[in-house]
Amino acid sequence: MTNLEIIKSQIAESAATKERILADDSLMEAIRKAAEVCVTAYRNGKKTLFAGNGGSAADAQHLAGEFVSKFYFDRPGLPSIALTTDTSILTAIGNDYGFNRLFARQVQAQGNEGDVFIGISTSGNSQNIVEALEECRRKGIFTIALTGARPCKMDDFDLVIKVPSESTPRIQECQTMIGHIICCIVEQEIFGQYNPQK
């Protein structure tokens, strides 16, 4: 396969995955529900918490940044914490309690009833995300799981958004898109504007 053929194939696969999302009414409804839950949390003075591993850690930081800074337009910041960023906290928990407790311990310390936790995992089986989801359940924190198509450990929590693919790059691309859609709806609902930049 030539490099040009690879480029076309990768773009076509990405577009096809997004088309499958667009054609799936139940998946579209799950995305709408995720945005609605975040809107409710913000209207009640609560916050969002994000976590992921590897590329999903970068996505967690990215999406928390969209809430705290801005998405489409200038407006007051919305409280959001990526649990992937503080090296002292991460290494302390990893050393004292183990890698699987990285996010659960932070949820225990930082999370409050009425907050929303968004766990991102392409496999849906990241144990440190699963344990964070379990801690959220104990604390009354609503959970949104972003995963791929396969059955996984994250399927049993509050709201699961499953990208219809088993390819890690395709899942990650669509998880970013879904996160952006949630940010867009939250901005519109909280601040009364739909103002995409041209």
N, C-alpha and C. Protein backbone atom coordinates (compact mmCIF):
# COMPACT_ATOMS: atom_id res chain seq x y z
N MET A 1 0.85 -1.19 0.00
CA MET A 1 0.00 0.00 0.00
C MET A 1 0.89 1.25 0.00
N THR A 2 0.58 2.18 -0.88
CA THR A 2 1.37 3.41 -0.93
C THR A 2 0.98 4.33 0.23
N ASN A 3 1.83 5.33 0.49
CA ASN A 3 1.52 6.28 1.55
C ASN A 3 0.22 7.03 1.29
N LEU A 4 -0.02 7.38 0.03
CA LEU A 4 -1.26 8.07 -0.31
C LEU A 4 -2.47 7.17 -0.06
N GLU A 5 -2.34 5.89 -0.37
CA GLU A 5 -3.43 4.94 -0.10
C GLU A 5 -3.68 4.80 1.40
N ILE A 6 -2.59 4.80 2.19
CA ILE A 6 -2.74 4.74 3.65
C ILE A 6 -3.49 5.97 4.16
N ILE A 7 -3.11 7.14 3.66
CA ILE A 7 -3.79 8.38 4.08
C ILE A 7 -5.28 8.29 3.78
N LYS A 8 -5.63 7.90 2.56
CA LYS A 8 -7.04 7.82 2.17
C LYS A 8 -7.79 6.78 2.99
N SER A 9 -7.13 5.65 3.26
CA SER A 9 -7.76 4.58 4.03
C SER A 9 -8.03 5.02 5.47
N GLN A 10 -7.05 5.68 6.08
CA GLN A 10 -7.22 6.14 7.47
C GLN A 10 -8.34 7.17 7.58
N ILE A 11 -8.39 8.10 6.65
CA ILE A 11 -9.45 9.11 6.67
C ILE A 11 -10.81 8.46 6.44
N ALA A 12 -10.88 7.52 5.51
CA ALA A 12 -12.14 6.84 5.21
C ALA A 12 -12.63 6.05 6.43
N GLU A 13 -11.72 5.37 7.12
CA GLU A 13 -12.11 4.62 8.31
C GLU A 13 -12.64 5.55 9.40
N SER A 14 -11.98 6.68 9.58
CA SER A 14 -12.42 7.64 10.59
C SER A 14 -13.80 8.18 10.25
N ALA A 15 -14.00 8.55 8.99
CA ALA A 15 -15.29 9.08 8.55
C ALA A 15 -16.39 8.03 8.69
N ALA A 16 -16.08 6.78 8.39
CA ALA A 16 -17.08 5.71 8.48
C ALA A 16 -17.51 5.50 9.93
N THR A 17 -16.57 5.59 10.86
CA THR A 17 -16.92 5.43 12.28
C THR A 17 -17.85 6.56 12.73
N LYS A 18 -17.56 7.77 12.32
CA LYS A 18 -18.42 8.90 12.67
C LYS A 18 -19.80 8.75 12.03
N GLU A 19 -19.86 8.22 10.82
CA GLU A 19 -21.16 8.00 10.17
C GLU A 19 -21.98 6.96 10.94
N ARG A 20 -21.31 5.96 11.51
CA ARG A 20 -22.04 4.96 12.30
C ARG A 20 -22.61 5.60 13.57
N ILE A 21 -21.87 6.51 14.17
CA ILE A 21 -22.39 7.24 15.33
C ILE A 21 -23.61 8.05 14.93
N LEU A 22 -23.51 8.75 13.83
CA LEU A 22 -24.60 9.61 13.35
C LEU A 22 -25.87 8.82 13.06
N ALA A 23 -25.71 7.57 12.66
CA ALA A 23 -26.86 6.73 12.30
C ALA A 23 -27.46 5.99 13.49
N ASP A 24 -26.85 6.08 14.65
CA ASP A 24 -27.27 5.32 15.84
C ASP A 24 -28.02 6.23 16.80
N ASP A 25 -29.35 6.16 16.78
CA ASP A 25 -30.17 7.05 17.61
C ASP A 25 -29.91 6.88 19.10
N SER A 26 -29.68 5.65 19.55
CA SER A 26 -29.45 5.42 20.97
C SER A 26 -28.11 6.01 21.41
N LEU A 27 -27.14 5.96 20.54
CA LEU A 27 -25.84 6.55 20.84
C LEU A 27 -25.93 8.07 20.85
N MET A 28 -26.66 8.63 19.92
CA MET A 28 -26.87 10.09 19.90
C MET A 28 -27.58 10.54 21.18
N GLU A 29 -28.55 9.75 21.63
CA GLU A 29 -29.27 10.07 22.86
C GLU A 29 -28.34 9.99 24.08
N ALA A 30 -27.42 9.03 24.08
CA ALA A 30 -26.46 8.93 25.19
C ALA A 30 -25.57 10.17 25.25
N ILE A 31 -25.15 10.67 24.10
CA ILE A 31 -24.33 11.88 24.06
C ILE A 31 -25.15 13.07 24.58
N ARG A 32 -26.40 13.17 24.14
CA ARG A 32 -27.28 14.24 24.61
C ARG A 32 -27.45 14.17 26.12
N LYS A 33 -27.66 12.97 26.64
CA LYS A 33 -27.83 12.78 28.08
C LYS A 33 -26.57 13.17 28.84
N ALA A 34 -25.41 12.83 28.31
CA ALA A 34 -24.15 13.20 28.96
C ALA A 34 -24.03 14.71 29.09
N ALA A 35 -24.35 15.42 28.02
CA ALA A 35 -24.30 16.88 28.07
C ALA A 35 -25.30 17.42 29.08
N GLU A 36 -26.49 16.86 29.11
CA GLU A 36 -27.54 17.32 30.03
C GLU A 36 -27.11 17.14 31.48
N VAL A 37 -26.47 16.01 31.77
CA VAL A 37 -26.00 15.75 33.13
C VAL A 37 -24.95 16.78 33.54
N CYS A 38 -24.05 17.11 32.63
CA CYS A 38 -23.03 18.13 32.93
C CYS A 38 -23.67 19.50 33.15
N VAL A 39 -24.64 19.83 32.32
CA VAL A 39 -25.35 21.11 32.48
C VAL A 39 -26.00 21.19 33.86
N THR A 40 -26.67 20.12 34.26
CA THR A 40 -27.33 20.10 35.57
C THR A 40 -26.31 20.28 36.69
N ALA A 41 -25.18 19.59 36.58
CA ALA A 41 -24.14 19.72 37.60
C ALA A 41 -23.66 21.17 37.70
N TYR A 42 -23.39 21.79 36.58
CA TYR A 42 -22.90 23.17 36.59
C TYR A 42 -23.96 24.13 37.12
N ARG A 43 -25.21 23.92 36.77
CA ARG A 43 -26.27 24.79 37.29
C ARG A 43 -26.43 24.66 38.80
N ASN A 44 -26.01 23.52 39.33
CA ASN A 44 -26.10 23.29 40.77
C ASN A 44 -24.79 23.61 41.50
N GLY A 45 -23.87 24.28 40.81
CA GLY A 45 -22.62 24.68 41.44
C GLY A 45 -21.63 23.56 41.64
N LYS A 46 -21.76 22.49 40.85
CA LYS A 46 -20.86 21.34 40.96
C LYS A 46 -19.80 21.39 39.86
N LYS A 47 -19.05 20.32 39.70
CA LYS A 47 -17.92 20.31 38.77
C LYS A 47 -17.87 18.99 38.01
N THR A 48 -17.01 18.95 36.99
CA THR A 48 -16.72 17.71 36.29
C THR A 48 -15.30 17.27 36.62
N LEU A 49 -15.12 15.96 36.63
CA LEU A 49 -13.82 15.33 36.86
C LEU A 49 -13.54 14.41 35.68
N PHE A 50 -12.32 14.44 35.16
CA PHE A 50 -11.94 13.60 34.02
C PHE A 50 -10.76 12.72 34.38
N ALA A 51 -10.71 11.52 33.80
CA ALA A 51 -9.55 10.65 33.98
C ALA A 51 -9.40 9.73 32.78
N GLY A 52 -8.15 9.37 32.50
CA GLY A 52 -7.83 8.42 31.44
C GLY A 52 -6.36 8.07 31.52
N ASN A 53 -5.95 7.09 30.75
CA ASN A 53 -4.55 6.65 30.70
C ASN A 53 -3.97 6.86 29.31
N GLY A 54 -2.68 7.22 29.26
CA GLY A 54 -2.03 7.38 27.97
C GLY A 54 -2.68 8.47 27.14
N GLY A 55 -3.07 8.14 25.90
CA GLY A 55 -3.74 9.11 25.05
C GLY A 55 -5.02 9.62 25.68
N SER A 56 -5.70 8.75 26.43
CA SER A 56 -6.94 9.16 27.10
C SER A 56 -6.66 10.12 28.25
N ALA A 57 -5.45 10.06 28.83
CA ALA A 57 -5.07 11.06 29.83
C ALA A 57 -4.97 12.44 29.18
N ALA A 58 -4.39 12.46 27.98
CA ALA A 58 -4.31 13.73 27.24
C ALA A 58 -5.70 14.23 26.90
N ASP A 59 -6.62 13.34 26.54
CA ASP A 59 -7.99 13.74 26.25
C ASP A 59 -8.67 14.30 27.50
N ALA A 60 -8.41 13.68 28.65
CA ALA A 60 -8.99 14.17 29.91
C ALA A 60 -8.54 15.60 30.18
N GLN A 61 -7.25 15.85 30.00
CA GLN A 61 -6.73 17.20 30.22
C GLN A 61 -7.29 18.19 29.19
N HIS A 62 -7.37 17.75 27.96
CA HIS A 62 -7.89 18.57 26.87
C HIS A 62 -9.32 19.03 27.18
N LEU A 63 -10.18 18.08 27.56
CA LEU A 63 -11.59 18.41 27.74
C LEU A 63 -11.82 19.22 29.01
N ALA A 64 -11.08 18.93 30.07
CA ALA A 64 -11.17 19.78 31.26
C ALA A 64 -10.76 21.20 30.92
N GLY A 65 -9.75 21.34 30.08
CA GLY A 65 -9.30 22.66 29.64
C GLY A 65 -10.37 23.41 28.86
N GLU A 66 -11.17 22.69 28.07
CA GLU A 66 -12.25 23.33 27.31
C GLU A 66 -13.29 23.94 28.25
N PHE A 67 -13.56 23.27 29.35
CA PHE A 67 -14.52 23.80 30.32
C PHE A 67 -13.94 24.97 31.10
N VAL A 68 -12.73 24.83 31.59
CA VAL A 68 -12.14 25.86 32.46
C VAL A 68 -11.82 27.12 31.66
N SER A 69 -11.30 26.97 30.44
CA SER A 69 -10.96 28.13 29.62
C SER A 69 -12.17 28.55 28.79
N LYS A 70 -12.28 28.00 27.59
CA LYS A 70 -13.46 28.25 26.76
C LYS A 70 -13.47 27.23 25.64
N PHE A 71 -14.63 27.09 25.01
CA PHE A 71 -14.73 26.23 23.84
C PHE A 71 -14.89 27.10 22.60
N TYR A 72 -16.09 27.65 22.37
CA TYR A 72 -16.30 28.48 21.19
C TYR A 72 -16.17 29.97 21.46
N PHE A 73 -16.48 30.43 22.66
CA PHE A 73 -16.54 31.88 22.88
C PHE A 73 -16.13 32.22 24.31
N ASP A 74 -15.80 33.48 24.51
CA ASP A 74 -15.38 33.95 25.82
C ASP A 74 -16.56 33.94 26.77
N ARG A 75 -16.37 33.36 27.93
CA ARG A 75 -17.40 33.29 28.97
C ARG A 75 -16.71 32.90 30.27
N PRO A 76 -17.41 32.96 31.41
CA PRO A 76 -16.79 32.54 32.67
C PRO A 76 -16.35 31.07 32.62
N GLY A 77 -15.27 30.76 33.31
CA GLY A 77 -14.80 29.39 33.35
C GLY A 77 -15.74 28.49 34.13
N LEU A 78 -15.77 27.22 33.74
CA LEU A 78 -16.57 26.21 34.42
C LEU A 78 -15.63 25.26 35.15
N PRO A 79 -15.94 24.90 36.41
CA PRO A 79 -15.00 24.10 37.20
C PRO A 79 -14.87 22.66 36.69
N SER A 80 -13.64 22.28 36.38
CA SER A 80 -13.37 20.95 35.87
C SER A 80 -11.94 20.57 36.24
N ILE A 81 -11.75 19.32 36.65
CA ILE A 81 -10.43 18.86 37.08
C ILE A 81 -10.06 17.61 36.29
N ALA A 82 -8.88 17.62 35.67
CA ALA A 82 -8.31 16.41 35.09
C ALA A 82 -7.47 15.74 36.18
N LEU A 83 -7.79 14.52 36.51
CA LEU A 83 -7.11 13.81 37.60
C LEU A 83 -5.80 13.17 37.13
N THR A 84 -5.29 13.63 36.01
CA THR A 84 -4.12 13.02 35.37
C THR A 84 -2.89 13.92 35.40
N THR A 85 -2.97 15.08 36.08
CA THR A 85 -1.98 16.13 35.83
C THR A 85 -0.97 16.38 36.93
N ASP A 86 -1.30 16.08 38.17
CA ASP A 86 -0.44 16.47 39.29
C ASP A 86 0.54 15.34 39.61
N THR A 87 1.80 15.52 39.22
CA THR A 87 2.77 14.43 39.37
C THR A 87 3.02 14.06 40.82
N SER A 88 2.96 15.02 41.72
CA SER A 88 3.18 14.69 43.14
C SER A 88 2.04 13.82 43.67
N ILE A 89 0.80 14.20 43.32
CA ILE A 89 -0.34 13.38 43.75
C ILE A 89 -0.28 12.00 43.11
N LEU A 90 -0.03 11.94 41.80
CA LEU A 90 -0.01 10.66 41.10
C LEU A 90 1.08 9.73 41.63
N THR A 91 2.26 10.27 41.86
CA THR A 91 3.34 9.41 42.34
C THR A 91 3.16 9.03 43.81
N ALA A 92 2.56 9.92 44.61
CA ALA A 92 2.29 9.58 46.01
C ALA A 92 1.27 8.43 46.08
N ILE A 93 0.18 8.56 45.33
CA ILE A 93 -0.84 7.51 45.35
C ILE A 93 -0.28 6.22 44.77
N GLY A 94 0.45 6.33 43.65
CA GLY A 94 1.03 5.14 43.05
C GLY A 94 1.97 4.43 44.00
N ASN A 95 2.77 5.18 44.72
CA ASN A 95 3.73 4.60 45.66
C ASN A 95 3.04 4.01 46.89
N ASP A 96 2.06 4.75 47.42
CA ASP A 96 1.43 4.35 48.68
C ASP A 96 0.31 3.33 48.51
N TYR A 97 -0.43 3.42 47.40
CA TYR A 97 -1.62 2.58 47.25
C TYR A 97 -1.62 1.73 45.98
N GLY A 98 -0.76 2.06 45.02
CA GLY A 98 -0.71 1.30 43.78
C GLY A 98 -1.40 2.01 42.63
N PHE A 99 -1.00 1.63 41.41
CA PHE A 99 -1.48 2.29 40.19
C PHE A 99 -3.00 2.22 40.06
N ASN A 100 -3.60 1.12 40.49
CA ASN A 100 -5.05 0.97 40.33
C ASN A 100 -5.86 1.96 41.15
N ARG A 101 -5.23 2.60 42.14
CA ARG A 101 -5.94 3.54 43.01
C ARG A 101 -5.72 5.00 42.61
N LEU A 102 -5.00 5.23 41.50
CA LEU A 102 -4.63 6.60 41.12
C LEU A 102 -5.81 7.55 41.08
N PHE A 103 -6.90 7.14 40.50
CA PHE A 103 -8.03 8.04 40.31
C PHE A 103 -9.08 7.90 41.41
N ALA A 104 -9.27 6.69 41.92
CA ALA A 104 -10.25 6.49 42.99
C ALA A 104 -9.89 7.33 44.22
N ARG A 105 -8.60 7.36 44.54
CA ARG A 105 -8.17 8.14 45.71
C ARG A 105 -8.45 9.63 45.50
N GLN A 106 -8.23 10.11 44.28
CA GLN A 106 -8.50 11.52 44.00
C GLN A 106 -10.00 11.81 44.00
N VAL A 107 -10.80 10.89 43.50
CA VAL A 107 -12.25 11.06 43.57
C VAL A 107 -12.68 11.13 45.03
N GLN A 108 -12.11 10.26 45.86
CA GLN A 108 -12.45 10.27 47.28
C GLN A 108 -12.12 11.62 47.91
N ALA A 109 -10.99 12.20 47.50
CA ALA A 109 -10.53 13.47 48.09
C ALA A 109 -11.20 14.69 47.47
N GLN A 110 -11.41 14.68 46.16
CA GLN A 110 -11.84 15.88 45.43
C GLN A 110 -13.31 15.88 45.01
N GLY A 111 -13.91 14.70 44.92
CA GLY A 111 -15.25 14.61 44.39
C GLY A 111 -16.32 14.80 45.44
N ASN A 112 -17.46 15.34 45.00
CA ASN A 112 -18.60 15.55 45.89
C ASN A 112 -19.87 15.08 45.22
N GLU A 113 -20.85 14.70 46.02
CA GLU A 113 -22.14 14.31 45.49
C GLU A 113 -22.67 15.42 44.57
N GLY A 114 -23.16 15.02 43.41
CA GLY A 114 -23.65 15.99 42.44
C GLY A 114 -22.65 16.33 41.36
N ASP A 115 -21.36 16.01 41.58
CA ASP A 115 -20.36 16.17 40.53
C ASP A 115 -20.60 15.15 39.43
N VAL A 116 -19.87 15.30 38.32
CA VAL A 116 -19.91 14.33 37.22
C VAL A 116 -18.48 13.86 36.95
N PHE A 117 -18.29 12.55 36.89
CA PHE A 117 -16.99 11.96 36.56
C PHE A 117 -17.06 11.37 35.16
N ILE A 118 -16.09 11.73 34.32
CA ILE A 118 -16.02 11.21 32.96
C ILE A 118 -14.73 10.39 32.83
N GLY A 119 -14.89 9.07 32.70
CA GLY A 119 -13.76 8.16 32.56
C GLY A 119 -13.59 7.76 31.11
N ILE A 120 -12.39 7.89 30.60
CA ILE A 120 -12.10 7.64 29.18
C ILE A 120 -11.17 6.45 29.06
N SER A 121 -11.59 5.43 28.31
CA SER A 121 -10.77 4.23 28.12
C SER A 121 -11.17 3.57 26.81
N THR A 122 -10.22 3.36 25.92
CA THR A 122 -10.56 2.73 24.64
C THR A 122 -11.00 1.29 24.85
N SER A 123 -10.38 0.58 25.80
CA SER A 123 -10.75 -0.81 26.06
C SER A 123 -11.95 -0.93 26.97
N GLY A 124 -12.14 0.08 27.83
CA GLY A 124 -13.19 0.00 28.85
C GLY A 124 -12.82 -0.88 30.01
N ASN A 125 -11.58 -1.33 30.07
CA ASN A 125 -11.14 -2.25 31.12
C ASN A 125 -10.00 -1.72 31.97
N SER A 126 -9.71 -0.43 31.88
CA SER A 126 -8.62 0.15 32.69
C SER A 126 -9.02 0.08 34.16
N GLN A 127 -8.26 -0.68 34.94
CA GLN A 127 -8.67 -0.94 36.31
C GLN A 127 -8.71 0.33 37.16
N ASN A 128 -7.79 1.26 36.89
CA ASN A 128 -7.82 2.49 37.70
C ASN A 128 -9.04 3.35 37.38
N ILE A 129 -9.57 3.26 36.16
CA ILE A 129 -10.82 3.95 35.84
C ILE A 129 -12.00 3.23 36.49
N VAL A 130 -12.00 1.91 36.41
CA VAL A 130 -13.08 1.12 37.01
C VAL A 130 -13.18 1.40 38.50
N GLU A 131 -12.03 1.43 39.19
CA GLU A 131 -12.06 1.69 40.64
C GLU A 131 -12.52 3.12 40.93
N ALA A 132 -12.19 4.06 40.07
CA ALA A 132 -12.71 5.43 40.22
C ALA A 132 -14.23 5.45 40.06
N LEU A 133 -14.73 4.71 39.08
CA LEU A 133 -16.18 4.63 38.88
C LEU A 133 -16.87 4.04 40.12
N GLU A 134 -16.25 3.04 40.70
CA GLU A 134 -16.81 2.43 41.91
C GLU A 134 -16.83 3.42 43.06
N GLU A 135 -15.76 4.22 43.19
CA GLU A 135 -15.71 5.24 44.24
C GLU A 135 -16.79 6.30 44.00
N CYS A 136 -17.00 6.66 42.74
CA CYS A 136 -18.07 7.61 42.41
C CYS A 136 -19.43 7.07 42.84
N ARG A 137 -19.66 5.81 42.61
CA ARG A 137 -20.94 5.20 42.99
C ARG A 137 -21.15 5.33 44.50
N ARG A 138 -20.09 5.11 45.26
CA ARG A 138 -20.19 5.22 46.72
C ARG A 138 -20.48 6.65 47.15
N LYS A 139 -19.98 7.62 46.39
CA LYS A 139 -20.10 9.02 46.79
C LYS A 139 -21.29 9.77 46.16
N GLY A 140 -22.06 9.10 45.32
CA GLY A 140 -23.18 9.76 44.68
C GLY A 140 -22.77 10.69 43.55
N ILE A 141 -21.68 10.35 42.88
CA ILE A 141 -21.19 11.12 41.74
C ILE A 141 -21.62 10.41 40.46
N PHE A 142 -22.31 11.12 39.57
CA PHE A 142 -22.77 10.52 38.32
C PHE A 142 -21.57 10.22 37.43
N THR A 143 -21.60 9.06 36.77
CA THR A 143 -20.46 8.64 35.95
C THR A 143 -20.84 8.52 34.48
N ILE A 144 -19.92 9.00 33.64
CA ILE A 144 -20.01 8.84 32.20
C ILE A 144 -18.76 8.08 31.76
N ALA A 145 -18.95 6.96 31.09
CA ALA A 145 -17.83 6.15 30.60
C ALA A 145 -17.77 6.27 29.08
N LEU A 146 -16.61 6.65 28.56
CA LEU A 146 -16.37 6.68 27.11
C LEU A 146 -15.49 5.49 26.76
N THR A 147 -16.02 4.58 25.95
CA THR A 147 -15.31 3.34 25.64
C THR A 147 -15.47 3.00 24.16
N GLY A 148 -14.92 1.84 23.79
CA GLY A 148 -15.11 1.31 22.45
C GLY A 148 -16.26 0.32 22.41
N ALA A 149 -16.36 -0.41 21.30
CA ALA A 149 -17.53 -1.23 21.02
C ALA A 149 -17.60 -2.52 21.85
N ARG A 150 -16.47 -3.04 22.30
CA ARG A 150 -16.47 -4.35 22.96
C ARG A 150 -17.11 -4.29 24.34
N PRO A 151 -17.73 -5.39 24.77
CA PRO A 151 -18.19 -5.47 26.17
C PRO A 151 -17.00 -5.27 27.11
N CYS A 152 -17.24 -4.58 28.23
CA CYS A 152 -16.10 -4.24 29.09
C CYS A 152 -16.56 -4.02 30.53
N LYS A 153 -15.59 -3.82 31.42
CA LYS A 153 -15.87 -3.63 32.84
C LYS A 153 -16.61 -2.32 33.12
N MET A 154 -16.50 -1.36 32.23
CA MET A 154 -17.13 -0.06 32.45
C MET A 154 -18.60 -0.03 32.04
N ASP A 155 -19.13 -1.15 31.53
CA ASP A 155 -20.49 -1.19 31.00
C ASP A 155 -21.57 -1.08 32.08
N ASP A 156 -21.22 -1.32 33.34
CA ASP A 156 -22.22 -1.44 34.39
C ASP A 156 -22.46 -0.16 35.18
N PHE A 157 -21.95 0.96 34.69
CA PHE A 157 -22.07 2.20 35.45
C PHE A 157 -23.15 3.10 34.83
N ASP A 158 -23.26 4.34 35.31
CA ASP A 158 -24.45 5.15 35.03
C ASP A 158 -24.73 5.34 33.54
N LEU A 159 -23.80 5.89 32.81
CA LEU A 159 -24.02 6.21 31.40
C LEU A 159 -22.78 5.81 30.62
N VAL A 160 -22.95 4.93 29.65
CA VAL A 160 -21.83 4.43 28.86
C VAL A 160 -22.03 4.86 27.41
N ILE A 161 -21.01 5.52 26.86
CA ILE A 161 -21.02 5.94 25.46
C ILE A 161 -19.98 5.10 24.73
N LYS A 162 -20.45 4.19 23.89
CA LYS A 162 -19.56 3.23 23.24
C LYS A 162 -19.37 3.61 21.77
N VAL A 163 -18.16 4.00 21.43
CA VAL A 163 -17.84 4.29 20.03
C VAL A 163 -17.92 2.98 19.24
N PRO A 164 -18.61 2.94 18.11
CA PRO A 164 -18.81 1.70 17.36
C PRO A 164 -17.58 1.30 16.55
N SER A 165 -16.52 0.98 17.26
CA SER A 165 -15.27 0.55 16.62
C SER A 165 -14.45 -0.24 17.63
N GLU A 166 -13.58 -1.10 17.12
CA GLU A 166 -12.61 -1.80 17.96
C GLU A 166 -11.19 -1.34 17.68
N SER A 167 -11.05 -0.32 16.88
CA SER A 167 -9.74 0.24 16.52
C SER A 167 -9.41 1.39 17.46
N THR A 168 -8.28 1.28 18.17
CA THR A 168 -7.93 2.31 19.15
C THR A 168 -7.88 3.71 18.55
N PRO A 169 -7.21 3.94 17.41
CA PRO A 169 -7.19 5.30 16.86
C PRO A 169 -8.58 5.83 16.53
N ARG A 170 -9.44 4.98 15.96
CA ARG A 170 -10.78 5.43 15.61
C ARG A 170 -11.59 5.76 16.87
N ILE A 171 -11.45 4.94 17.91
CA ILE A 171 -12.15 5.20 19.17
C ILE A 171 -11.71 6.53 19.75
N GLN A 172 -10.39 6.75 19.79
CA GLN A 172 -9.86 7.99 20.36
C GLN A 172 -10.33 9.21 19.60
N GLU A 173 -10.32 9.13 18.27
CA GLU A 173 -10.77 10.26 17.46
C GLU A 173 -12.23 10.62 17.77
N CYS A 174 -13.05 9.60 17.90
CA CYS A 174 -14.47 9.84 18.15
C CYS A 174 -14.72 10.27 19.59
N GLN A 175 -13.93 9.79 20.53
CA GLN A 175 -14.08 10.25 21.91
C GLN A 175 -13.79 11.74 22.03
N THR A 176 -12.79 12.21 21.30
CA THR A 176 -12.52 13.65 21.28
C THR A 176 -13.69 14.40 20.68
N MET A 177 -14.23 13.91 19.59
CA MET A 177 -15.39 14.55 18.96
C MET A 177 -16.57 14.59 19.93
N ILE A 178 -16.84 13.49 20.60
CA ILE A 178 -17.96 13.44 21.55
C ILE A 178 -17.73 14.43 22.68
N GLY A 179 -16.50 14.50 23.18
CA GLY A 179 -16.18 15.48 24.22
C GLY A 179 -16.42 16.90 23.75
N HIS A 180 -16.05 17.19 22.52
CA HIS A 180 -16.28 18.52 21.96
C HIS A 180 -17.78 18.83 21.85
N ILE A 181 -18.56 17.84 21.45
CA ILE A 181 -20.01 18.05 21.35
C ILE A 181 -20.60 18.36 22.72
N ILE A 182 -20.16 17.63 23.73
CA ILE A 182 -20.64 17.87 25.10
C ILE A 182 -20.28 19.29 25.52
N CYS A 183 -19.04 19.71 25.28
CA CYS A 183 -18.62 21.07 25.61
C CYS A 183 -19.47 22.10 24.90
N CYS A 184 -19.76 21.88 23.65
CA CYS A 184 -20.56 22.81 22.84
C CYS A 184 -21.96 22.96 23.44
N ILE A 185 -22.60 21.84 23.77
CA ILE A 185 -23.95 21.90 24.32
C ILE A 185 -23.95 22.56 25.70
N VAL A 186 -22.96 22.25 26.52
CA VAL A 186 -22.88 22.86 27.85
C VAL A 186 -22.76 24.37 27.73
N GLU A 187 -21.89 24.85 26.85
CA GLU A 187 -21.76 26.30 26.65
C GLU A 187 -23.08 26.92 26.24
N GLN A 188 -23.76 26.29 25.29
CA GLN A 188 -25.03 26.85 24.81
C GLN A 188 -26.05 26.90 25.94
N GLU A 189 -26.17 25.83 26.70
CA GLU A 189 -27.19 25.74 27.73
C GLU A 189 -26.89 26.65 28.92
N ILE A 190 -25.63 26.75 29.32
CA ILE A 190 -25.27 27.54 30.49
C ILE A 190 -25.24 29.03 30.16
N PHE A 191 -24.74 29.36 28.97
CA PHE A 191 -24.50 30.77 28.65
C PHE A 191 -25.42 31.32 27.55
N GLY A 192 -26.33 30.48 27.05
CA GLY A 192 -27.35 30.96 26.14
C GLY A 192 -26.85 31.32 24.76
N GLN A 193 -25.73 30.72 24.34
CA GLN A 193 -25.21 31.02 23.02
C GLN A 193 -24.81 29.75 22.30
N TYR A 194 -25.09 29.70 21.01
CA TYR A 194 -24.46 28.73 20.12
C TYR A 194 -23.69 29.56 19.11
N ASN A 195 -22.40 29.65 19.29
CA ASN A 195 -21.62 30.63 18.56
C ASN A 195 -20.34 30.02 17.99
N PRO A 196 -20.47 29.04 17.12
CA PRO A 196 -19.24 28.44 16.57
C PRO A 196 -18.45 29.46 15.77
N GLN A 197 -17.15 29.44 15.97
CA GLN A 197 -16.27 30.36 15.25
C GLN A 197 -16.20 29.95 13.79
N LYS A 198 -16.23 30.93 12.93
CA LYS A 198 -16.18 30.66 11.50
C LYS A 198 -14.74 30.55 11.03
